[in-house]
Amino acid sequence: MTRPYFPAEAGGPDPLRITVSRQVRFEEVDPLGIVWHGRYPGYFEDARVALSDRYGIGYLDFYGQGVITPIRQLHVDYLLPLRFKDVFTIEGILHWTAATRINIEFILRDDTQAVTTTGFTVQLMLDTNGDTLLVPPASYQSFIDRWKRGVLS
């Protein structure tokens, strides 16, 4: 198992997880038949969208409240290559933070469950002028309150 990128915060709830299955397409590989390194952020996005859709905390959910959530940081660790037609999973792990940011860790595994790639993204919460929010929007505050109480469905 890999070590989490985000340390657990005291008093915070367990991370939320989702797993998405994919198969490597021909357009995603380089001339050597391995996934081109620039495709991995797209794989991360597949898990991020599934996670945010499950909990109602996606880009458009925020945007509808006058909040933008750009990626501030992206990190990728390449451990093993994926190849054309490989079946793999992307696990998205939302880590608790009281800050106005979204910390998501990603773990890609091949069909033998070997970890091929890990990484993370950090999204900031900004108003439409690009200023960092000091407190989360009401709907996100409601989400984190329910998460902390363990009552997310």
N, C-alpha and C. Protein backbone atom coordinates (compact mmCIF):
# COMPACT_ATOMS: atom_id res chain seq x y z
N MET A 1 0.84 -1.19 0.00
CA MET A 1 0.00 0.00 0.00
C MET A 1 0.88 1.24 0.00
N THR A 2 0.36 2.29 -0.54
CA THR A 2 1.11 3.53 -0.59
C THR A 2 0.78 4.39 0.61
N ARG A 3 1.67 5.29 0.93
CA ARG A 3 1.46 6.23 2.04
C ARG A 3 0.61 7.40 1.56
N PRO A 4 -0.38 7.83 2.34
CA PRO A 4 -1.23 8.94 1.90
C PRO A 4 -0.41 10.23 1.72
N TYR A 5 -0.81 11.02 0.74
CA TYR A 5 -0.16 12.31 0.51
C TYR A 5 -0.60 13.34 1.54
N PHE A 6 -1.81 13.17 2.08
CA PHE A 6 -2.36 14.13 3.02
C PHE A 6 -2.47 13.48 4.39
N PRO A 7 -1.77 13.99 5.40
CA PRO A 7 -1.89 13.40 6.74
C PRO A 7 -3.29 13.64 7.30
N ALA A 8 -3.76 12.69 8.09
CA ALA A 8 -5.08 12.83 8.71
C ALA A 8 -5.05 14.00 9.69
N GLU A 9 -6.13 14.79 9.66
CA GLU A 9 -6.25 15.89 10.61
C GLU A 9 -6.92 15.37 11.87
N ALA A 10 -6.42 15.78 13.03
CA ALA A 10 -7.00 15.35 14.30
C ALA A 10 -8.48 15.70 14.34
N GLY A 11 -9.29 14.73 14.70
CA GLY A 11 -10.73 14.96 14.81
C GLY A 11 -11.48 14.92 13.50
N GLY A 12 -10.78 14.72 12.40
CA GLY A 12 -11.44 14.67 11.10
C GLY A 12 -11.97 13.28 10.81
N PRO A 13 -12.97 13.18 9.93
CA PRO A 13 -13.53 11.88 9.56
C PRO A 13 -12.62 11.13 8.61
N ASP A 14 -12.92 9.86 8.41
CA ASP A 14 -12.18 9.05 7.45
C ASP A 14 -12.36 9.61 6.05
N PRO A 15 -11.39 9.39 5.18
CA PRO A 15 -11.52 9.84 3.79
C PRO A 15 -12.70 9.18 3.10
N LEU A 16 -13.22 9.85 2.07
CA LEU A 16 -14.26 9.30 1.22
C LEU A 16 -13.59 8.73 -0.03
N ARG A 17 -14.08 7.58 -0.50
CA ARG A 17 -13.42 6.89 -1.61
C ARG A 17 -14.41 6.51 -2.70
N ILE A 18 -13.87 6.45 -3.91
CA ILE A 18 -14.63 5.93 -5.05
C ILE A 18 -13.62 5.27 -5.99
N THR A 19 -14.06 4.25 -6.70
CA THR A 19 -13.19 3.57 -7.66
C THR A 19 -13.88 3.53 -9.01
N VAL A 20 -13.13 3.89 -10.04
CA VAL A 20 -13.61 3.93 -11.42
C VAL A 20 -12.77 2.94 -12.22
N SER A 21 -13.40 2.16 -13.07
CA SER A 21 -12.68 1.22 -13.94
C SER A 21 -12.52 1.81 -15.34
N ARG A 22 -11.39 1.52 -15.95
CA ARG A 22 -11.09 2.01 -17.31
C ARG A 22 -10.30 0.96 -18.06
N GLN A 23 -10.20 1.16 -19.35
CA GLN A 23 -9.31 0.39 -20.19
C GLN A 23 -8.51 1.37 -21.04
N VAL A 24 -7.22 1.12 -21.17
CA VAL A 24 -6.36 2.02 -21.94
C VAL A 24 -6.76 1.94 -23.41
N ARG A 25 -7.02 3.12 -23.99
CA ARG A 25 -7.38 3.22 -25.40
C ARG A 25 -6.13 3.49 -26.24
N PHE A 26 -6.21 3.16 -27.53
CA PHE A 26 -5.09 3.34 -28.44
C PHE A 26 -4.60 4.79 -28.47
N GLU A 27 -5.55 5.74 -28.42
CA GLU A 27 -5.17 7.15 -28.51
C GLU A 27 -4.38 7.62 -27.30
N GLU A 28 -4.34 6.84 -26.23
CA GLU A 28 -3.68 7.24 -24.99
C GLU A 28 -2.23 6.77 -24.88
N VAL A 29 -1.78 5.99 -25.85
CA VAL A 29 -0.43 5.43 -25.77
C VAL A 29 0.53 6.14 -26.71
N ASP A 30 1.81 6.05 -26.36
CA ASP A 30 2.86 6.64 -27.20
C ASP A 30 3.35 5.59 -28.20
N PRO A 31 4.33 5.91 -29.04
CA PRO A 31 4.80 4.93 -30.03
C PRO A 31 5.36 3.64 -29.42
N LEU A 32 5.70 3.66 -28.14
CA LEU A 32 6.20 2.45 -27.48
C LEU A 32 5.06 1.58 -26.94
N GLY A 33 3.82 2.06 -27.08
CA GLY A 33 2.67 1.30 -26.63
C GLY A 33 2.33 1.47 -25.16
N ILE A 34 2.99 2.43 -24.50
CA ILE A 34 2.68 2.69 -23.09
C ILE A 34 1.93 4.01 -22.98
N VAL A 35 1.16 4.14 -21.91
CA VAL A 35 0.38 5.36 -21.73
C VAL A 35 1.33 6.55 -21.62
N TRP A 36 1.06 7.55 -22.43
CA TRP A 36 1.84 8.79 -22.41
C TRP A 36 1.61 9.47 -21.07
N HIS A 37 2.67 10.00 -20.48
CA HIS A 37 2.60 10.56 -19.13
C HIS A 37 1.56 11.67 -18.98
N GLY A 38 1.30 12.40 -20.04
CA GLY A 38 0.34 13.50 -19.98
C GLY A 38 -1.11 13.05 -19.91
N ARG A 39 -1.38 11.77 -20.04
CA ARG A 39 -2.76 11.27 -19.94
C ARG A 39 -3.21 11.07 -18.50
N TYR A 40 -2.29 10.95 -17.57
CA TYR A 40 -2.66 10.62 -16.19
C TYR A 40 -3.53 11.68 -15.51
N PRO A 41 -3.32 12.97 -15.73
CA PRO A 41 -4.26 13.93 -15.14
C PRO A 41 -5.71 13.70 -15.60
N GLY A 42 -5.89 13.24 -16.83
CA GLY A 42 -7.22 12.90 -17.31
C GLY A 42 -7.81 11.71 -16.57
N TYR A 43 -6.96 10.73 -16.25
CA TYR A 43 -7.43 9.59 -15.45
C TYR A 43 -7.83 10.07 -14.05
N PHE A 44 -7.04 10.95 -13.48
CA PHE A 44 -7.39 11.51 -12.17
C PHE A 44 -8.76 12.20 -12.26
N GLU A 45 -8.98 12.92 -13.35
CA GLU A 45 -10.25 13.64 -13.52
C GLU A 45 -11.44 12.68 -13.55
N ASP A 46 -11.26 11.49 -14.13
CA ASP A 46 -12.35 10.50 -14.15
C ASP A 46 -12.81 10.18 -12.74
N ALA A 47 -11.86 9.96 -11.84
CA ALA A 47 -12.21 9.65 -10.44
C ALA A 47 -12.72 10.89 -9.72
N ARG A 48 -12.13 12.05 -9.99
CA ARG A 48 -12.56 13.28 -9.32
C ARG A 48 -14.02 13.59 -9.67
N VAL A 49 -14.38 13.44 -10.94
CA VAL A 49 -15.76 13.71 -11.36
C VAL A 49 -16.72 12.72 -10.72
N ALA A 50 -16.37 11.44 -10.69
CA ALA A 50 -17.24 10.43 -10.07
C ALA A 50 -17.43 10.73 -8.59
N LEU A 51 -16.37 11.11 -7.90
CA LEU A 51 -16.43 11.43 -6.48
C LEU A 51 -17.29 12.68 -6.25
N SER A 52 -17.05 13.71 -7.03
CA SER A 52 -17.80 14.95 -6.85
C SER A 52 -19.27 14.78 -7.23
N ASP A 53 -19.56 13.96 -8.25
CA ASP A 53 -20.95 13.69 -8.61
C ASP A 53 -21.68 12.95 -7.49
N ARG A 54 -21.00 12.01 -6.86
CA ARG A 54 -21.62 11.25 -5.78
C ARG A 54 -22.03 12.16 -4.62
N TYR A 55 -21.21 13.17 -4.33
CA TYR A 55 -21.45 14.00 -3.15
C TYR A 55 -21.93 15.41 -3.47
N GLY A 56 -22.13 15.73 -4.74
CA GLY A 56 -22.66 17.04 -5.10
C GLY A 56 -21.69 18.18 -4.87
N ILE A 57 -20.40 17.90 -5.08
CA ILE A 57 -19.37 18.92 -4.85
C ILE A 57 -18.50 19.12 -6.09
N GLY A 58 -19.13 19.07 -7.26
CA GLY A 58 -18.40 19.21 -8.51
C GLY A 58 -18.21 20.65 -8.93
N TYR A 59 -17.48 20.82 -10.01
CA TYR A 59 -17.18 22.15 -10.54
C TYR A 59 -18.45 22.98 -10.74
N LEU A 60 -19.45 22.38 -11.39
CA LEU A 60 -20.67 23.14 -11.68
C LEU A 60 -21.51 23.38 -10.44
N ASP A 61 -21.44 22.47 -9.46
CA ASP A 61 -22.15 22.70 -8.19
C ASP A 61 -21.61 23.97 -7.53
N PHE A 62 -20.30 24.10 -7.51
CA PHE A 62 -19.68 25.29 -6.92
C PHE A 62 -19.96 26.53 -7.78
N TYR A 63 -19.80 26.37 -9.08
CA TYR A 63 -19.96 27.51 -9.98
C TYR A 63 -21.36 28.13 -9.86
N GLY A 64 -22.35 27.28 -9.67
CA GLY A 64 -23.71 27.77 -9.50
C GLY A 64 -23.89 28.62 -8.25
N GLN A 65 -22.92 28.56 -7.35
CA GLN A 65 -22.96 29.37 -6.12
C GLN A 65 -21.95 30.51 -6.16
N GLY A 66 -21.41 30.77 -7.36
CA GLY A 66 -20.45 31.86 -7.49
C GLY A 66 -19.06 31.51 -6.97
N VAL A 67 -18.75 30.22 -6.94
CA VAL A 67 -17.44 29.75 -6.45
C VAL A 67 -16.76 28.99 -7.57
N ILE A 68 -15.48 29.28 -7.78
CA ILE A 68 -14.69 28.50 -8.74
C ILE A 68 -13.67 27.69 -7.96
N THR A 69 -13.36 26.50 -8.48
CA THR A 69 -12.47 25.58 -7.76
C THR A 69 -11.35 25.08 -8.69
N PRO A 70 -10.43 25.96 -9.06
CA PRO A 70 -9.36 25.55 -9.96
C PRO A 70 -8.35 24.63 -9.26
N ILE A 71 -7.69 23.85 -10.08
CA ILE A 71 -6.60 23.02 -9.59
C ILE A 71 -5.43 23.95 -9.28
N ARG A 72 -4.94 23.90 -8.06
CA ARG A 72 -3.80 24.72 -7.63
C ARG A 72 -2.51 23.90 -7.68
N GLN A 73 -2.68 22.59 -7.44
CA GLN A 73 -1.50 21.73 -7.41
C GLN A 73 -1.86 20.37 -7.99
N LEU A 74 -0.96 19.81 -8.79
CA LEU A 74 -1.11 18.48 -9.37
C LEU A 74 0.23 17.77 -9.21
N HIS A 75 0.17 16.56 -8.69
CA HIS A 75 1.39 15.78 -8.50
C HIS A 75 1.13 14.37 -9.00
N VAL A 76 2.11 13.78 -9.71
CA VAL A 76 1.99 12.42 -10.21
C VAL A 76 3.28 11.67 -9.92
N ASP A 77 3.15 10.45 -9.39
CA ASP A 77 4.28 9.53 -9.23
C ASP A 77 4.02 8.33 -10.14
N TYR A 78 4.89 8.13 -11.12
CA TYR A 78 4.76 7.03 -12.07
C TYR A 78 5.57 5.84 -11.54
N LEU A 79 4.89 4.73 -11.28
CA LEU A 79 5.56 3.57 -10.68
C LEU A 79 5.73 2.42 -11.67
N LEU A 80 4.67 2.10 -12.40
CA LEU A 80 4.69 1.05 -13.41
C LEU A 80 3.92 1.53 -14.63
N PRO A 81 4.32 1.13 -15.82
CA PRO A 81 3.60 1.61 -17.00
C PRO A 81 2.27 0.88 -17.21
N LEU A 82 1.33 1.60 -17.78
CA LEU A 82 0.11 0.99 -18.30
C LEU A 82 0.28 0.92 -19.81
N ARG A 83 -0.31 -0.11 -20.43
CA ARG A 83 -0.16 -0.32 -21.87
C ARG A 83 -1.52 -0.43 -22.55
N PHE A 84 -1.48 -0.30 -23.87
CA PHE A 84 -2.69 -0.40 -24.67
C PHE A 84 -3.51 -1.63 -24.27
N LYS A 85 -4.81 -1.41 -24.05
CA LYS A 85 -5.82 -2.41 -23.68
C LYS A 85 -5.74 -2.88 -22.23
N ASP A 86 -4.78 -2.39 -21.45
CA ASP A 86 -4.77 -2.75 -20.02
C ASP A 86 -6.05 -2.28 -19.36
N VAL A 87 -6.60 -3.11 -18.51
CA VAL A 87 -7.73 -2.74 -17.67
C VAL A 87 -7.15 -2.26 -16.35
N PHE A 88 -7.65 -1.14 -15.83
CA PHE A 88 -7.11 -0.60 -14.59
C PHE A 88 -8.21 0.13 -13.83
N THR A 89 -7.94 0.41 -12.57
CA THR A 89 -8.87 1.18 -11.76
C THR A 89 -8.20 2.45 -11.29
N ILE A 90 -9.02 3.45 -11.05
CA ILE A 90 -8.56 4.72 -10.49
C ILE A 90 -9.34 4.91 -9.20
N GLU A 91 -8.65 4.91 -8.08
CA GLU A 91 -9.30 5.18 -6.81
C GLU A 91 -9.11 6.64 -6.48
N GLY A 92 -10.20 7.33 -6.24
CA GLY A 92 -10.16 8.73 -5.80
C GLY A 92 -10.46 8.77 -4.32
N ILE A 93 -9.62 9.47 -3.57
CA ILE A 93 -9.75 9.52 -2.12
C ILE A 93 -9.80 10.99 -1.69
N LEU A 94 -10.96 11.40 -1.22
CA LEU A 94 -11.15 12.77 -0.75
C LEU A 94 -10.73 12.83 0.72
N HIS A 95 -9.72 13.64 1.00
CA HIS A 95 -9.20 13.77 2.36
C HIS A 95 -9.82 14.97 3.06
N TRP A 96 -10.15 14.78 4.31
CA TRP A 96 -10.74 15.82 5.14
C TRP A 96 -9.77 16.98 5.33
N THR A 97 -10.29 18.18 5.23
CA THR A 97 -9.57 19.38 5.64
C THR A 97 -10.61 20.43 6.02
N ALA A 98 -10.30 21.20 7.02
CA ALA A 98 -11.18 22.29 7.43
C ALA A 98 -10.94 23.54 6.58
N ALA A 99 -9.89 23.53 5.78
CA ALA A 99 -9.55 24.67 4.92
C ALA A 99 -10.50 24.74 3.72
N THR A 100 -10.53 25.87 3.05
CA THR A 100 -11.37 26.03 1.86
C THR A 100 -10.61 25.52 0.64
N ARG A 101 -10.39 24.23 0.65
CA ARG A 101 -9.70 23.55 -0.45
C ARG A 101 -10.19 22.11 -0.51
N ILE A 102 -9.92 21.47 -1.61
CA ILE A 102 -10.32 20.08 -1.81
C ILE A 102 -9.06 19.29 -2.11
N ASN A 103 -8.75 18.32 -1.26
CA ASN A 103 -7.56 17.49 -1.39
C ASN A 103 -7.97 16.09 -1.83
N ILE A 104 -7.59 15.71 -3.04
CA ILE A 104 -7.94 14.38 -3.53
C ILE A 104 -6.67 13.63 -3.92
N GLU A 105 -6.56 12.43 -3.40
CA GLU A 105 -5.46 11.52 -3.71
C GLU A 105 -5.96 10.50 -4.74
N PHE A 106 -5.06 10.02 -5.58
CA PHE A 106 -5.43 9.04 -6.61
C PHE A 106 -4.47 7.87 -6.59
N ILE A 107 -5.03 6.66 -6.75
CA ILE A 107 -4.23 5.45 -6.83
C ILE A 107 -4.73 4.65 -8.03
N LEU A 108 -3.86 4.42 -8.99
CA LEU A 108 -4.19 3.59 -10.15
C LEU A 108 -3.61 2.21 -9.94
N ARG A 109 -4.44 1.19 -10.23
CA ARG A 109 -4.01 -0.20 -10.08
C ARG A 109 -4.33 -0.96 -11.36
N ASP A 110 -3.42 -1.86 -11.74
CA ASP A 110 -3.68 -2.68 -12.92
C ASP A 110 -4.60 -3.85 -12.54
N ASP A 111 -4.84 -4.75 -13.47
CA ASP A 111 -5.79 -5.84 -13.20
C ASP A 111 -5.25 -6.88 -12.21
N THR A 112 -3.97 -6.78 -11.84
CA THR A 112 -3.43 -7.66 -10.78
C THR A 112 -3.44 -6.95 -9.43
N GLN A 113 -3.97 -5.72 -9.40
CA GLN A 113 -4.03 -4.86 -8.22
C GLN A 113 -2.68 -4.23 -7.86
N ALA A 114 -1.69 -4.34 -8.76
CA ALA A 114 -0.41 -3.66 -8.55
C ALA A 114 -0.64 -2.17 -8.73
N VAL A 115 -0.06 -1.37 -7.84
CA VAL A 115 -0.17 0.08 -7.94
C VAL A 115 0.75 0.55 -9.06
N THR A 116 0.17 1.22 -10.06
CA THR A 116 0.96 1.69 -11.20
C THR A 116 1.29 3.17 -11.11
N THR A 117 0.39 3.93 -10.51
CA THR A 117 0.56 5.38 -10.48
C THR A 117 -0.17 5.93 -9.26
N THR A 118 0.41 6.93 -8.63
CA THR A 118 -0.26 7.63 -7.54
C THR A 118 -0.11 9.12 -7.77
N GLY A 119 -0.92 9.88 -7.09
CA GLY A 119 -0.82 11.32 -7.23
C GLY A 119 -1.89 12.02 -6.43
N PHE A 120 -1.94 13.33 -6.59
CA PHE A 120 -2.95 14.11 -5.89
C PHE A 120 -3.19 15.42 -6.61
N THR A 121 -4.35 16.01 -6.27
CA THR A 121 -4.66 17.37 -6.69
C THR A 121 -5.13 18.15 -5.48
N VAL A 122 -4.90 19.44 -5.54
CA VAL A 122 -5.43 20.37 -4.55
C VAL A 122 -6.20 21.42 -5.33
N GLN A 123 -7.47 21.61 -4.97
CA GLN A 123 -8.30 22.65 -5.58
C GLN A 123 -8.58 23.71 -4.54
N LEU A 124 -8.48 24.96 -4.93
CA LEU A 124 -8.81 26.06 -4.05
C LEU A 124 -10.24 26.52 -4.32
N MET A 125 -10.83 27.15 -3.32
CA MET A 125 -12.15 27.74 -3.49
C MET A 125 -11.97 29.25 -3.60
N LEU A 126 -12.38 29.79 -4.75
CA LEU A 126 -12.23 31.22 -5.03
C LEU A 126 -13.57 31.82 -5.39
N ASP A 127 -13.70 33.14 -5.16
CA ASP A 127 -14.89 33.81 -5.66
C ASP A 127 -14.66 34.13 -7.15
N THR A 128 -15.66 34.69 -7.79
CA THR A 128 -15.55 34.93 -9.23
C THR A 128 -14.55 36.02 -9.59
N ASN A 129 -14.05 36.75 -8.59
CA ASN A 129 -12.96 37.71 -8.82
C ASN A 129 -11.59 37.06 -8.69
N GLY A 130 -11.57 35.78 -8.31
CA GLY A 130 -10.31 35.07 -8.14
C GLY A 130 -9.71 35.19 -6.75
N ASP A 131 -10.47 35.73 -5.81
CA ASP A 131 -9.99 35.86 -4.44
C ASP A 131 -10.31 34.58 -3.65
N THR A 132 -9.36 34.15 -2.84
CA THR A 132 -9.53 32.95 -2.02
C THR A 132 -10.62 33.16 -0.98
N LEU A 133 -11.52 32.18 -0.89
CA LEU A 133 -12.56 32.24 0.13
C LEU A 133 -11.95 31.90 1.49
N LEU A 134 -12.37 32.62 2.49
CA LEU A 134 -11.88 32.36 3.85
C LEU A 134 -12.78 31.37 4.58
N VAL A 135 -14.04 31.29 4.17
CA VAL A 135 -14.98 30.30 4.72
C VAL A 135 -15.62 29.58 3.54
N PRO A 136 -15.94 28.31 3.72
CA PRO A 136 -16.55 27.57 2.61
C PRO A 136 -17.97 28.06 2.32
N PRO A 137 -18.42 27.89 1.07
CA PRO A 137 -19.81 28.23 0.77
C PRO A 137 -20.76 27.36 1.59
N ALA A 138 -21.98 27.84 1.79
CA ALA A 138 -22.94 27.17 2.68
C ALA A 138 -23.17 25.71 2.31
N SER A 139 -23.31 25.39 1.04
CA SER A 139 -23.58 24.00 0.66
C SER A 139 -22.39 23.09 0.96
N TYR A 140 -21.17 23.61 0.77
CA TYR A 140 -20.00 22.80 1.09
C TYR A 140 -19.86 22.66 2.60
N GLN A 141 -20.18 23.70 3.35
CA GLN A 141 -20.14 23.61 4.81
C GLN A 141 -21.13 22.55 5.29
N SER A 142 -22.30 22.50 4.68
CA SER A 142 -23.28 21.47 5.02
C SER A 142 -22.73 20.08 4.72
N PHE A 143 -22.08 19.94 3.56
CA PHE A 143 -21.47 18.67 3.18
C PHE A 143 -20.42 18.25 4.21
N ILE A 144 -19.50 19.15 4.58
CA ILE A 144 -18.44 18.75 5.51
C ILE A 144 -19.00 18.50 6.92
N ASP A 145 -20.06 19.20 7.29
CA ASP A 145 -20.70 18.92 8.58
C ASP A 145 -21.30 17.51 8.58
N ARG A 146 -21.99 17.15 7.50
CA ARG A 146 -22.57 15.79 7.39
C ARG A 146 -21.47 14.74 7.33
N TRP A 147 -20.38 15.04 6.61
CA TRP A 147 -19.25 14.11 6.52
C TRP A 147 -18.67 13.87 7.91
N LYS A 148 -18.47 14.92 8.63
CA LYS A 148 -17.87 14.80 9.97
C LYS A 148 -18.79 14.02 10.92
N ARG A 149 -20.11 14.16 10.75
CA ARG A 149 -21.07 13.42 11.58
C ARG A 149 -21.25 11.99 11.09
N GLY A 150 -20.72 11.65 9.89
CA GLY A 150 -20.85 10.31 9.35
C GLY A 150 -22.23 10.02 8.76
N VAL A 151 -22.89 11.05 8.25
CA VAL A 151 -24.24 10.85 7.73
C VAL A 151 -24.34 11.12 6.23
N LEU A 152 -23.29 10.88 5.50
CA LEU A 152 -23.35 11.01 4.03
C LEU A 152 -23.94 9.74 3.45
N SER A 153 -24.76 9.90 2.44
CA SER A 153 -25.36 8.71 1.81
C SER A 153 -24.57 8.30 0.60
